[in-house]
Amino acid sequence: SFSMFPPFYTDCGMNIFIGKNVFINSGCHFQDQGGIYIGDGSLIGS
C-alpha cells in the first residue's frame, strides 16, 4: 500500500520504519540514523 514520488534521499536508510498506506512525495530527505518511524496512513509532503 506504500507509494512514493521520487527523488528521495537518505543518509542511511536502514533505520526507516514505514507503516501501511503511507505516501512520500518528491524530494524528501530522511537523515534516519537515529530512527524514523512513520505510522499507517501518513502523508509526507514534497
ModelCIF file with pLDDT and N, C-alpha, C, O atoms, coordinates in Angstrom:
data_MODEL
#
_entry.id   MODEL 
#
_entity.id                         1 
_entity.type                       polymer 
_entity.pdbx_number_of_molecules   1 
#
_entity_poly.entity_id                      1 
_entity_poly.type                           'polypeptide(L)' 
_entity_poly.nstd_linkage                   no 
_entity_poly.nstd_monomer                   no 
_entity_poly.pdbx_seq_one_letter_code       SFSMFPPFYTDCGMNIFIGKNVFINSGCHFQDQGGIYIGDGSLIGS 
_entity_poly.pdbx_seq_one_letter_code_can   SFSMFPPFYTDCGMNIFIGKNVFINSGCHFQDQGGIYIGDGSLIGS 
_entity_poly.pdbx_strand_id                 A 
#
loop_
_entity_poly_seq.entity_id 
_entity_poly_seq.num 
_entity_poly_seq.mon_id 
_entity_poly_seq.hetero 
1 1  SER n 
1 2  PHE n 
1 3  SER n 
1 4  MET n 
1 5  PHE n 
1 6  PRO n 
1 7  PRO n 
1 8  PHE n 
1 9  TYR n 
1 10 THR n 
1 11 ASP n 
1 12 CYS n 
1 13 GLY n 
1 14 MET n 
1 15 ASN n 
1 16 ILE n 
1 17 PHE n 
1 18 ILE n 
1 19 GLY n 
1 20 LYS n 
1 21 ASN n 
1 22 VAL n 
1 23 PHE n 
1 24 ILE n 
1 25 ASN n 
1 26 SER n 
1 27 GLY n 
1 28 CYS n 
1 29 HIS n 
1 30 PHE n 
1 31 GLN n 
1 32 ASP n 
1 33 GLN n 
1 34 GLY n 
1 35 GLY n 
1 36 ILE n 
1 37 TYR n 
1 38 ILE n 
1 39 GLY n 
1 40 ASP n 
1 41 GLY n 
1 42 SER n 
1 43 LEU n 
1 44 ILE n 
1 45 GLY n 
1 46 SER n 
#
_struct_asym.id          A 
_struct_asym.entity_id   1 
#
loop_
_ma_qa_metric.id 
_ma_qa_metric.mode 
_ma_qa_metric.name 
_ma_qa_metric.software_group_id 
_ma_qa_metric.type 
1 global pLDDT . pLDDT 
2 local  pLDDT . pLDDT 
#
_ma_qa_metric_global.metric_id      1 
_ma_qa_metric_global.metric_value   97.39 
_ma_qa_metric_global.model_id       1 
_ma_qa_metric_global.ordinal_id     1 
#
loop_
_ma_qa_metric_local.label_asym_id 
_ma_qa_metric_local.label_comp_id 
_ma_qa_metric_local.label_seq_id 
_ma_qa_metric_local.metric_id 
_ma_qa_metric_local.metric_value 
_ma_qa_metric_local.model_id 
_ma_qa_metric_local.ordinal_id 
A SER 1  2 98.00 1 1  
A PHE 2  2 98.00 1 2  
A SER 3  2 98.00 1 3  
A MET 4  2 98.00 1 4  
A PHE 5  2 98.00 1 5  
A PRO 6  2 98.00 1 6  
A PRO 7  2 98.00 1 7  
A PHE 8  2 98.00 1 8  
A TYR 9  2 98.00 1 9  
A THR 10 2 97.00 1 10 
A ASP 11 2 91.00 1 11 
A CYS 12 2 95.00 1 12 
A GLY 13 2 95.00 1 13 
A MET 14 2 96.00 1 14 
A ASN 15 2 96.00 1 15 
A ILE 16 2 98.00 1 16 
A PHE 17 2 98.00 1 17 
A ILE 18 2 98.00 1 18 
A GLY 19 2 98.00 1 19 
A LYS 20 2 98.00 1 20 
A ASN 21 2 98.00 1 21 
A VAL 22 2 98.00 1 22 
A PHE 23 2 98.00 1 23 
A ILE 24 2 98.00 1 24 
A ASN 25 2 98.00 1 25 
A SER 26 2 98.00 1 26 
A GLY 27 2 98.00 1 27 
A CYS 28 2 98.00 1 28 
A HIS 29 2 98.00 1 29 
A PHE 30 2 98.00 1 30 
A GLN 31 2 96.00 1 31 
A ASP 32 2 96.00 1 32 
A GLN 33 2 95.00 1 33 
A GLY 34 2 96.00 1 34 
A GLY 35 2 97.00 1 35 
A ILE 36 2 98.00 1 36 
A TYR 37 2 98.00 1 37 
A ILE 38 2 98.00 1 38 
A GLY 39 2 98.00 1 39 
A ASP 40 2 98.00 1 40 
A GLY 41 2 98.00 1 41 
A SER 42 2 98.00 1 42 
A LEU 43 2 98.00 1 43 
A ILE 44 2 98.00 1 44 
A GLY 45 2 98.00 1 45 
A SER 46 2 98.00 1 46 
#
loop_
_atom_site.group_PDB 
_atom_site.id 
_atom_site.type_symbol 
_atom_site.label_atom_id 
_atom_site.label_alt_id 
_atom_site.label_comp_id 
_atom_site.label_asym_id 
_atom_site.label_entity_id 
_atom_site.label_seq_id 
_atom_site.pdbx_PDB_ins_code 
_atom_site.Cartn_x 
_atom_site.Cartn_y 
_atom_site.Cartn_z 
_atom_site.occupancy 
_atom_site.B_iso_or_equiv 
_atom_site.pdbx_formal_charge 
_atom_site.auth_seq_id 
_atom_site.auth_comp_id 
_atom_site.auth_asym_id 
_atom_site.auth_atom_id 
_atom_site.pdbx_PDB_model_num 
ATOM 1   N N  . SER A 1 1  ? 0.805  -1.219 0.000  1.00 98.00 ? 1  SER A N  1 
ATOM 2   C CA . SER A 1 1  ? 0.000  0.000  0.000  1.00 98.00 ? 1  SER A CA 1 
ATOM 3   C C  . SER A 1 1  ? 0.843  1.277  0.000  1.00 98.00 ? 1  SER A C  1 
ATOM 4   O O  . SER A 1 1  ? 0.306  2.373  -0.162 1.00 98.00 ? 1  SER A O  1 
ATOM 5   N N  . PHE A 1 2  ? 2.158  1.143  0.181  1.00 98.00 ? 2  PHE A N  1 
ATOM 6   C CA . PHE A 1 2  ? 3.073  2.287  0.192  1.00 98.00 ? 2  PHE A CA 1 
ATOM 7   C C  . PHE A 1 2  ? 3.208  2.870  -1.206 1.00 98.00 ? 2  PHE A C  1 
ATOM 8   O O  . PHE A 1 2  ? 3.201  2.134  -2.193 1.00 98.00 ? 2  PHE A O  1 
ATOM 9   N N  . SER A 1 3  ? 3.332  4.206  -1.294 1.00 98.00 ? 3  SER A N  1 
ATOM 10  C CA . SER A 1 3  ? 3.653  4.826  -2.582 1.00 98.00 ? 3  SER A CA 1 
ATOM 11  C C  . SER A 1 3  ? 4.542  6.044  -2.371 1.00 98.00 ? 3  SER A C  1 
ATOM 12  O O  . SER A 1 3  ? 4.564  6.646  -1.298 1.00 98.00 ? 3  SER A O  1 
ATOM 13  N N  . MET A 1 4  ? 5.273  6.390  -3.428 1.00 98.00 ? 4  MET A N  1 
ATOM 14  C CA . MET A 1 4  ? 6.254  7.467  -3.360 1.00 98.00 ? 4  MET A CA 1 
ATOM 15  C C  . MET A 1 4  ? 6.430  8.086  -4.734 1.00 98.00 ? 4  MET A C  1 
ATOM 16  O O  . MET A 1 4  ? 6.325  7.405  -5.754 1.00 98.00 ? 4  MET A O  1 
ATOM 17  N N  . PHE A 1 5  ? 6.697  9.384  -4.751 1.00 98.00 ? 5  PHE A N  1 
ATOM 18  C CA . PHE A 1 5  ? 7.157  10.073 -5.948 1.00 98.00 ? 5  PHE A CA 1 
ATOM 19  C C  . PHE A 1 5  ? 8.616  10.442 -5.719 1.00 98.00 ? 5  PHE A C  1 
ATOM 20  O O  . PHE A 1 5  ? 8.897  11.336 -4.921 1.00 98.00 ? 5  PHE A O  1 
ATOM 21  N N  . PRO A 1 6  ? 9.555  9.778  -6.399 1.00 98.00 ? 6  PRO A N  1 
ATOM 22  C CA . PRO A 1 6  ? 10.965 10.169 -6.269 1.00 98.00 ? 6  PRO A CA 1 
ATOM 23  C C  . PRO A 1 6  ? 11.194 11.553 -6.873 1.00 98.00 ? 6  PRO A C  1 
ATOM 24  O O  . PRO A 1 6  ? 10.322 12.052 -7.584 1.00 98.00 ? 6  PRO A O  1 
ATOM 25  N N  . PRO A 1 7  ? 12.329 12.182 -6.617 1.00 98.00 ? 7  PRO A N  1 
ATOM 26  C CA . PRO A 1 7  ? 13.501 11.619 -5.961 1.00 98.00 ? 7  PRO A CA 1 
ATOM 27  C C  . PRO A 1 7  ? 13.329 11.555 -4.448 1.00 98.00 ? 7  PRO A C  1 
ATOM 28  O O  . PRO A 1 7  ? 12.480 12.228 -3.864 1.00 98.00 ? 7  PRO A O  1 
ATOM 29  N N  . PHE A 1 8  ? 14.157 10.729 -3.840 1.00 98.00 ? 8  PHE A N  1 
ATOM 30  C CA . PHE A 1 8  ? 14.175 10.516 -2.398 1.00 98.00 ? 8  PHE A CA 1 
ATOM 31  C C  . PHE A 1 8  ? 15.630 10.388 -1.966 1.00 98.00 ? 8  PHE A C  1 
ATOM 32  O O  . PHE A 1 8  ? 16.439 9.783  -2.670 1.00 98.00 ? 8  PHE A O  1 
ATOM 33  N N  . TYR A 1 9  ? 15.960 10.952 -0.818 1.00 98.00 ? 9  TYR A N  1 
ATOM 34  C CA . TYR A 1 9  ? 17.337 10.942 -0.343 1.00 98.00 ? 9  TYR A CA 1 
ATOM 35  C C  . TYR A 1 9  ? 17.379 10.457 1.101  1.00 98.00 ? 9  TYR A C  1 
ATOM 36  O O  . TYR A 1 9  ? 16.508 10.792 1.905  1.00 98.00 ? 9  TYR A O  1 
ATOM 37  N N  . THR A 1 10 ? 18.392 9.671  1.420  1.00 97.00 ? 10 THR A N  1 
ATOM 38  C CA . THR A 1 10 ? 18.611 9.239  2.789  1.00 97.00 ? 10 THR A CA 1 
ATOM 39  C C  . THR A 1 10 ? 20.101 9.067  3.031  1.00 97.00 ? 10 THR A C  1 
ATOM 40  O O  . THR A 1 10 ? 20.860 8.746  2.117  1.00 97.00 ? 10 THR A O  1 
ATOM 41  N N  . ASP A 1 11 ? 20.510 9.286  4.280  1.00 91.00 ? 11 ASP A N  1 
ATOM 42  C CA . ASP A 1 11 ? 21.908 9.149  4.670  1.00 91.00 ? 11 ASP A CA 1 
ATOM 43  C C  . ASP A 1 11 ? 22.238 7.746  5.161  1.00 91.00 ? 11 ASP A C  1 
ATOM 44  O O  . ASP A 1 11 ? 23.410 7.407  5.320  1.00 91.00 ? 11 ASP A O  1 
ATOM 45  N N  . CYS A 1 12 ? 21.217 6.928  5.405  1.00 95.00 ? 12 CYS A N  1 
ATOM 46  C CA . CYS A 1 12 ? 21.424 5.579  5.944  1.00 95.00 ? 12 CYS A CA 1 
ATOM 47  C C  . CYS A 1 12 ? 20.379 4.641  5.350  1.00 95.00 ? 12 CYS A C  1 
ATOM 48  O O  . CYS A 1 12 ? 20.728 3.698  4.640  1.00 95.00 ? 12 CYS A O  1 
ATOM 49  N N  . GLY A 1 13 ? 19.114 4.886  5.631  1.00 95.00 ? 13 GLY A N  1 
ATOM 50  C CA . GLY A 1 13 ? 18.024 4.102  5.068  1.00 95.00 ? 13 GLY A CA 1 
ATOM 51  C C  . GLY A 1 13 ? 17.588 2.940  5.933  1.00 95.00 ? 13 GLY A C  1 
ATOM 52  O O  . GLY A 1 13 ? 16.413 2.574  5.936  1.00 95.00 ? 13 GLY A O  1 
ATOM 53  N N  . MET A 1 14 ? 18.515 2.357  6.662  1.00 96.00 ? 14 MET A N  1 
ATOM 54  C CA . MET A 1 14 ? 18.214 1.133  7.395  1.00 96.00 ? 14 MET A CA 1 
ATOM 55  C C  . MET A 1 14 ? 17.546 1.372  8.746  1.00 96.00 ? 14 MET A C  1 
ATOM 56  O O  . MET A 1 14 ? 17.215 0.412  9.443  1.00 96.00 ? 14 MET A O  1 
ATOM 57  N N  . ASN A 1 15 ? 17.342 2.625  9.128  1.00 96.00 ? 15 ASN A N  1 
ATOM 58  C CA . ASN A 1 15 ? 16.613 2.949  10.360 1.00 96.00 ? 15 ASN A CA 1 
ATOM 59  C C  . ASN A 1 15 ? 15.326 3.703  10.045 1.00 96.00 ? 15 ASN A C  1 
ATOM 60  O O  . ASN A 1 15 ? 14.868 4.531  10.833 1.00 96.00 ? 15 ASN A O  1 
ATOM 61  N N  . ILE A 1 16 ? 14.744 3.401  8.866  1.00 98.00 ? 16 ILE A N  1 
ATOM 62  C CA . ILE A 1 16 ? 13.436 3.944  8.491  1.00 98.00 ? 16 ILE A CA 1 
ATOM 63  C C  . ILE A 1 16 ? 12.419 2.819  8.632  1.00 98.00 ? 16 ILE A C  1 
ATOM 64  O O  . ILE A 1 16 ? 12.624 1.719  8.119  1.00 98.00 ? 16 ILE A O  1 
ATOM 65  N N  . PHE A 1 17 ? 11.316 3.101  9.334  1.00 98.00 ? 17 PHE A N  1 
ATOM 66  C CA . PHE A 1 17 ? 10.252 2.126  9.560  1.00 98.00 ? 17 PHE A CA 1 
ATOM 67  C C  . PHE A 1 17 ? 8.958  2.751  9.052  1.00 98.00 ? 17 PHE A C  1 
ATOM 68  O O  . PHE A 1 17 ? 8.526  3.782  9.568  1.00 98.00 ? 17 PHE A O  1 
ATOM 69  N N  . ILE A 1 18 ? 8.332  2.135  8.042  1.00 98.00 ? 18 ILE A N  1 
ATOM 70  C CA . ILE A 1 18 ? 7.187  2.718  7.338  1.00 98.00 ? 18 ILE A CA 1 
ATOM 71  C C  . ILE A 1 18 ? 5.966  1.827  7.521  1.00 98.00 ? 18 ILE A C  1 
ATOM 72  O O  . ILE A 1 18 ? 6.022  0.626  7.260  1.00 98.00 ? 18 ILE A O  1 
ATOM 73  N N  . GLY A 1 19 ? 4.860  2.422  7.972  1.00 98.00 ? 19 GLY A N  1 
ATOM 74  C CA . GLY A 1 19 ? 3.607  1.695  8.130  1.00 98.00 ? 19 GLY A CA 1 
ATOM 75  C C  . GLY A 1 19 ? 2.891  1.482  6.805  1.00 98.00 ? 19 GLY A C  1 
ATOM 76  O O  . GLY A 1 19 ? 3.475  1.657  5.735  1.00 98.00 ? 19 GLY A O  1 
ATOM 77  N N  . LYS A 1 20 ? 1.637  1.107  6.886  1.00 98.00 ? 20 LYS A N  1 
ATOM 78  C CA . LYS A 1 20 ? 0.809  0.853  5.712  1.00 98.00 ? 20 LYS A CA 1 
ATOM 79  C C  . LYS A 1 20 ? 0.153  2.140  5.234  1.00 98.00 ? 20 LYS A C  1 
ATOM 80  O O  . LYS A 1 20 ? -0.068 3.067  6.013  1.00 98.00 ? 20 LYS A O  1 
ATOM 81  N N  . ASN A 1 21 ? -0.158 2.186  3.930  1.00 98.00 ? 21 ASN A N  1 
ATOM 82  C CA . ASN A 1 21 ? -0.863 3.318  3.317  1.00 98.00 ? 21 ASN A CA 1 
ATOM 83  C C  . ASN A 1 21 ? -0.146 4.647  3.532  1.00 98.00 ? 21 ASN A C  1 
ATOM 84  O O  . ASN A 1 21 ? -0.781 5.682  3.736  1.00 98.00 ? 21 ASN A O  1 
ATOM 85  N N  . VAL A 1 22 ? 1.170  4.607  3.484  1.00 98.00 ? 22 VAL A N  1 
ATOM 86  C CA . VAL A 1 22 ? 1.987  5.812  3.620  1.00 98.00 ? 22 VAL A CA 1 
ATOM 87  C C  . VAL A 1 22 ? 2.325  6.326  2.230  1.00 98.00 ? 22 VAL A C  1 
ATOM 88  O O  . VAL A 1 22 ? 2.620  5.549  1.321  1.00 98.00 ? 22 VAL A O  1 
ATOM 89  N N  . PHE A 1 23 ? 2.279  7.658  2.072  1.00 98.00 ? 23 PHE A N  1 
ATOM 90  C CA . PHE A 1 23 ? 2.700  8.296  0.823  1.00 98.00 ? 23 PHE A CA 1 
ATOM 91  C C  . PHE A 1 23 ? 3.806  9.292  1.131  1.00 98.00 ? 23 PHE A C  1 
ATOM 92  O O  . PHE A 1 23 ? 3.679  10.111 2.041  1.00 98.00 ? 23 PHE A O  1 
ATOM 93  N N  . ILE A 1 24 ? 4.892  9.220  0.366  1.00 98.00 ? 24 ILE A N  1 
ATOM 94  C CA . ILE A 1 24 ? 6.004  10.162 0.489  1.00 98.00 ? 24 ILE A CA 1 
ATOM 95  C C  . ILE A 1 24 ? 6.154  10.868 -0.850 1.00 98.00 ? 24 ILE A C  1 
ATOM 96  O O  . ILE A 1 24 ? 6.394  10.226 -1.873 1.00 98.00 ? 24 ILE A O  1 
ATOM 97  N N  . ASN A 1 25 ? 6.011  12.200 -0.844 1.00 98.00 ? 25 ASN A N  1 
ATOM 98  C CA . ASN A 1 25 ? 6.097  12.985 -2.069 1.00 98.00 ? 25 ASN A CA 1 
ATOM 99  C C  . ASN A 1 25 ? 7.549  13.245 -2.452 1.00 98.00 ? 25 ASN A C  1 
ATOM 100 O O  . ASN A 1 25 ? 8.465  12.830 -1.741 1.00 98.00 ? 25 ASN A O  1 
ATOM 101 N N  . SER A 1 26 ? 7.756  13.912 -3.545 1.00 98.00 ? 26 SER A N  1 
ATOM 102 C CA . SER A 1 26 ? 9.084  14.050 -4.155 1.00 98.00 ? 26 SER A CA 1 
ATOM 103 C C  . SER A 1 26 ? 10.015 14.969 -3.380 1.00 98.00 ? 26 SER A C  1 
ATOM 104 O O  . SER A 1 26 ? 9.589  15.926 -2.734 1.00 98.00 ? 26 SER A O  1 
ATOM 105 N N  . GLY A 1 27 ? 11.302 14.647 -3.467 1.00 98.00 ? 27 GLY A N  1 
ATOM 106 C CA . GLY A 1 27 ? 12.355 15.499 -2.950 1.00 98.00 ? 27 GLY A CA 1 
ATOM 107 C C  . GLY A 1 27 ? 12.585 15.433 -1.456 1.00 98.00 ? 27 GLY A C  1 
ATOM 108 O O  . GLY A 1 27 ? 13.253 16.309 -0.908 1.00 98.00 ? 27 GLY A O  1 
ATOM 109 N N  . CYS A 1 28 ? 12.058 14.430 -0.775 1.00 98.00 ? 28 CYS A N  1 
ATOM 110 C CA . CYS A 1 28 ? 12.239 14.334 0.677  1.00 98.00 ? 28 CYS A CA 1 
ATOM 111 C C  . CYS A 1 28 ? 13.642 13.838 1.009  1.00 98.00 ? 28 CYS A C  1 
ATOM 112 O O  . CYS A 1 28 ? 14.257 13.091 0.249  1.00 98.00 ? 28 CYS A O  1 
ATOM 113 N N  . HIS A 1 29 ? 14.131 14.280 2.176  1.00 98.00 ? 29 HIS A N  1 
ATOM 114 C CA . HIS A 1 29 ? 15.438 13.839 2.680  1.00 98.00 ? 29 HIS A CA 1 
ATOM 115 C C  . HIS A 1 29 ? 15.249 13.344 4.103  1.00 98.00 ? 29 HIS A C  1 
ATOM 116 O O  . HIS A 1 29 ? 14.860 14.096 4.997  1.00 98.00 ? 29 HIS A O  1 
ATOM 117 N N  . PHE A 1 30 ? 15.535 12.052 4.293  1.00 98.00 ? 30 PHE A N  1 
ATOM 118 C CA . PHE A 1 30 ? 15.428 11.435 5.612  1.00 98.00 ? 30 PHE A CA 1 
ATOM 119 C C  . PHE A 1 30 ? 16.831 11.144 6.122  1.00 98.00 ? 30 PHE A C  1 
ATOM 120 O O  . PHE A 1 30 ? 17.531 10.296 5.569  1.00 98.00 ? 30 PHE A O  1 
ATOM 121 N N  . GLN A 1 31 ? 17.238 11.833 7.158  1.00 96.00 ? 31 GLN A N  1 
ATOM 122 C CA . GLN A 1 31 ? 18.510 11.572 7.835  1.00 96.00 ? 31 GLN A CA 1 
ATOM 123 C C  . GLN A 1 31 ? 18.138 10.656 9.002  1.00 96.00 ? 31 GLN A C  1 
ATOM 124 O O  . GLN A 1 31 ? 17.859 11.125 10.106 1.00 96.00 ? 31 GLN A O  1 
ATOM 125 N N  . ASP A 1 32 ? 18.139 9.373  8.753  1.00 96.00 ? 32 ASP A N  1 
ATOM 126 C CA . ASP A 1 32 ? 17.454 8.413  9.622  1.00 96.00 ? 32 ASP A CA 1 
ATOM 127 C C  . ASP A 1 32 ? 18.328 7.639  10.588 1.00 96.00 ? 32 ASP A C  1 
ATOM 128 O O  . ASP A 1 32 ? 17.840 6.692  11.204 1.00 96.00 ? 32 ASP A O  1 
ATOM 129 N N  . GLN A 1 33 ? 19.574 7.986  10.749 1.00 95.00 ? 33 GLN A N  1 
ATOM 130 C CA . GLN A 1 33 ? 20.429 7.172  11.602 1.00 95.00 ? 33 GLN A CA 1 
ATOM 131 C C  . GLN A 1 33 ? 19.805 6.911  12.973 1.00 95.00 ? 33 GLN A C  1 
ATOM 132 O O  . GLN A 1 33 ? 19.895 5.793  13.480 1.00 95.00 ? 33 GLN A O  1 
ATOM 133 N N  . GLY A 1 34 ? 19.186 7.897  13.571 1.00 96.00 ? 34 GLY A N  1 
ATOM 134 C CA . GLY A 1 34 ? 18.584 7.752  14.892 1.00 96.00 ? 34 GLY A CA 1 
ATOM 135 C C  . GLY A 1 34 ? 17.252 7.028  14.898 1.00 96.00 ? 34 GLY A C  1 
ATOM 136 O O  . GLY A 1 34 ? 16.745 6.687  15.967 1.00 96.00 ? 34 GLY A O  1 
ATOM 137 N N  . GLY A 1 35 ? 16.680 6.788  13.746 1.00 97.00 ? 35 GLY A N  1 
ATOM 138 C CA . GLY A 1 35 ? 15.409 6.080  13.622 1.00 97.00 ? 35 GLY A CA 1 
ATOM 139 C C  . GLY A 1 35 ? 14.271 7.009  13.250 1.00 97.00 ? 35 GLY A C  1 
ATOM 140 O O  . GLY A 1 35 ? 14.019 8.004  13.930 1.00 97.00 ? 35 GLY A O  1 
ATOM 141 N N  . ILE A 1 36 ? 13.586 6.680  12.165 1.00 98.00 ? 36 ILE A N  1 
ATOM 142 C CA . ILE A 1 36 ? 12.380 7.394  11.743 1.00 98.00 ? 36 ILE A CA 1 
ATOM 143 C C  . ILE A 1 36 ? 11.259 6.366  11.671 1.00 98.00 ? 36 ILE A C  1 
ATOM 144 O O  . ILE A 1 36 ? 11.370 5.361  10.969 1.00 98.00 ? 36 ILE A O  1 
ATOM 145 N N  . TYR A 1 37 ? 10.181 6.626  12.403 1.00 98.00 ? 37 TYR A N  1 
ATOM 146 C CA . TYR A 1 37 ? 9.027  5.729  12.463 1.00 98.00 ? 37 TYR A CA 1 
ATOM 147 C C  . TYR A 1 37 ? 7.829  6.480  11.899 1.00 98.00 ? 37 TYR A C  1 
ATOM 148 O O  . TYR A 1 37 ? 7.453  7.529  12.424 1.00 98.00 ? 37 TYR A O  1 
ATOM 149 N N  . ILE A 1 38 ? 7.223  5.953  10.828 1.00 98.00 ? 38 ILE A N  1 
ATOM 150 C CA . ILE A 1 38 ? 6.093  6.604  10.172 1.00 98.00 ? 38 ILE A CA 1 
ATOM 151 C C  . ILE A 1 38 ? 4.877  5.698  10.296 1.00 98.00 ? 38 ILE A C  1 
ATOM 152 O O  . ILE A 1 38 ? 4.882  4.565  9.813  1.00 98.00 ? 38 ILE A O  1 
ATOM 153 N N  . GLY A 1 39 ? 3.829  6.212  10.952 1.00 98.00 ? 39 GLY A N  1 
ATOM 154 C CA . GLY A 1 39 ? 2.628  5.422  11.198 1.00 98.00 ? 39 GLY A CA 1 
ATOM 155 C C  . GLY A 1 39 ? 1.745  5.264  9.979  1.00 98.00 ? 39 GLY A C  1 
ATOM 156 O O  . GLY A 1 39 ? 1.876  5.992  8.995  1.00 98.00 ? 39 GLY A O  1 
ATOM 157 N N  . ASP A 1 40 ? 0.840  4.298  10.060 1.00 98.00 ? 40 ASP A N  1 
ATOM 158 C CA . ASP A 1 40 ? -0.100 3.991  8.983  1.00 98.00 ? 40 ASP A CA 1 
ATOM 159 C C  . ASP A 1 40 ? -0.865 5.241  8.551  1.00 98.00 ? 40 ASP A C  1 
ATOM 160 O O  . ASP A 1 40 ? -1.250 6.068  9.377  1.00 98.00 ? 40 ASP A O  1 
ATOM 161 N N  . GLY A 1 41 ? -1.077 5.358  7.243  1.00 98.00 ? 41 GLY A N  1 
ATOM 162 C CA . GLY A 1 41 ? -1.924 6.405  6.694  1.00 98.00 ? 41 GLY A CA 1 
ATOM 163 C C  . GLY A 1 41 ? -1.316 7.788  6.652  1.00 98.00 ? 41 GLY A C  1 
ATOM 164 O O  . GLY A 1 41 ? -2.014 8.756  6.350  1.00 98.00 ? 41 GLY A O  1 
ATOM 165 N N  . SER A 1 42 ? -0.033 7.909  6.948  1.00 98.00 ? 42 SER A N  1 
ATOM 166 C CA . SER A 1 42 ? 0.589  9.240  6.971  1.00 98.00 ? 42 SER A CA 1 
ATOM 167 C C  . SER A 1 42 ? 0.979  9.711  5.576  1.00 98.00 ? 42 SER A C  1 
ATOM 168 O O  . SER A 1 42 ? 1.305  8.914  4.696  1.00 98.00 ? 42 SER A O  1 
ATOM 169 N N  . LEU A 1 43 ? 0.934  11.034 5.401  1.00 98.00 ? 43 LEU A N  1 
ATOM 170 C CA . LEU A 1 43 ? 1.277  11.684 4.140  1.00 98.00 ? 43 LEU A CA 1 
ATOM 171 C C  . LEU A 1 43 ? 2.445  12.632 4.390  1.00 98.00 ? 43 LEU A C  1 
ATOM 172 O O  . LEU A 1 43 ? 2.370  13.499 5.260  1.00 98.00 ? 43 LEU A O  1 
ATOM 173 N N  . ILE A 1 44 ? 3.515  12.469 3.634  1.00 98.00 ? 44 ILE A N  1 
ATOM 174 C CA . ILE A 1 44 ? 4.701  13.303 3.771  1.00 98.00 ? 44 ILE A CA 1 
ATOM 175 C C  . ILE A 1 44 ? 4.803  14.151 2.507  1.00 98.00 ? 44 ILE A C  1 
ATOM 176 O O  . ILE A 1 44 ? 4.966  13.612 1.413  1.00 98.00 ? 44 ILE A O  1 
ATOM 177 N N  . GLY A 1 45 ? 4.709  15.468 2.645  1.00 98.00 ? 45 GLY A N  1 
ATOM 178 C CA . GLY A 1 45 ? 4.729  16.378 1.500  1.00 98.00 ? 45 GLY A CA 1 
ATOM 179 C C  . GLY A 1 45 ? 6.096  16.479 0.846  1.00 98.00 ? 45 GLY A C  1 
ATOM 180 O O  . GLY A 1 45 ? 7.092  15.975 1.365  1.00 98.00 ? 45 GLY A O  1 
ATOM 181 N N  . SER A 1 46 ? 6.123  17.131 -0.287 1.00 98.00 ? 46 SER A N  1 
ATOM 182 C CA . SER A 1 46 ? 7.372  17.267 -1.038 1.00 98.00 ? 46 SER A CA 1 
ATOM 183 C C  . SER A 1 46 ? 8.395  18.109 -0.278 1.00 98.00 ? 46 SER A C  1 
ATOM 184 O O  . SER A 1 46 ? 9.504  18.324 -0.767 1.00 98.00 ? 46 SER A O  1 
#
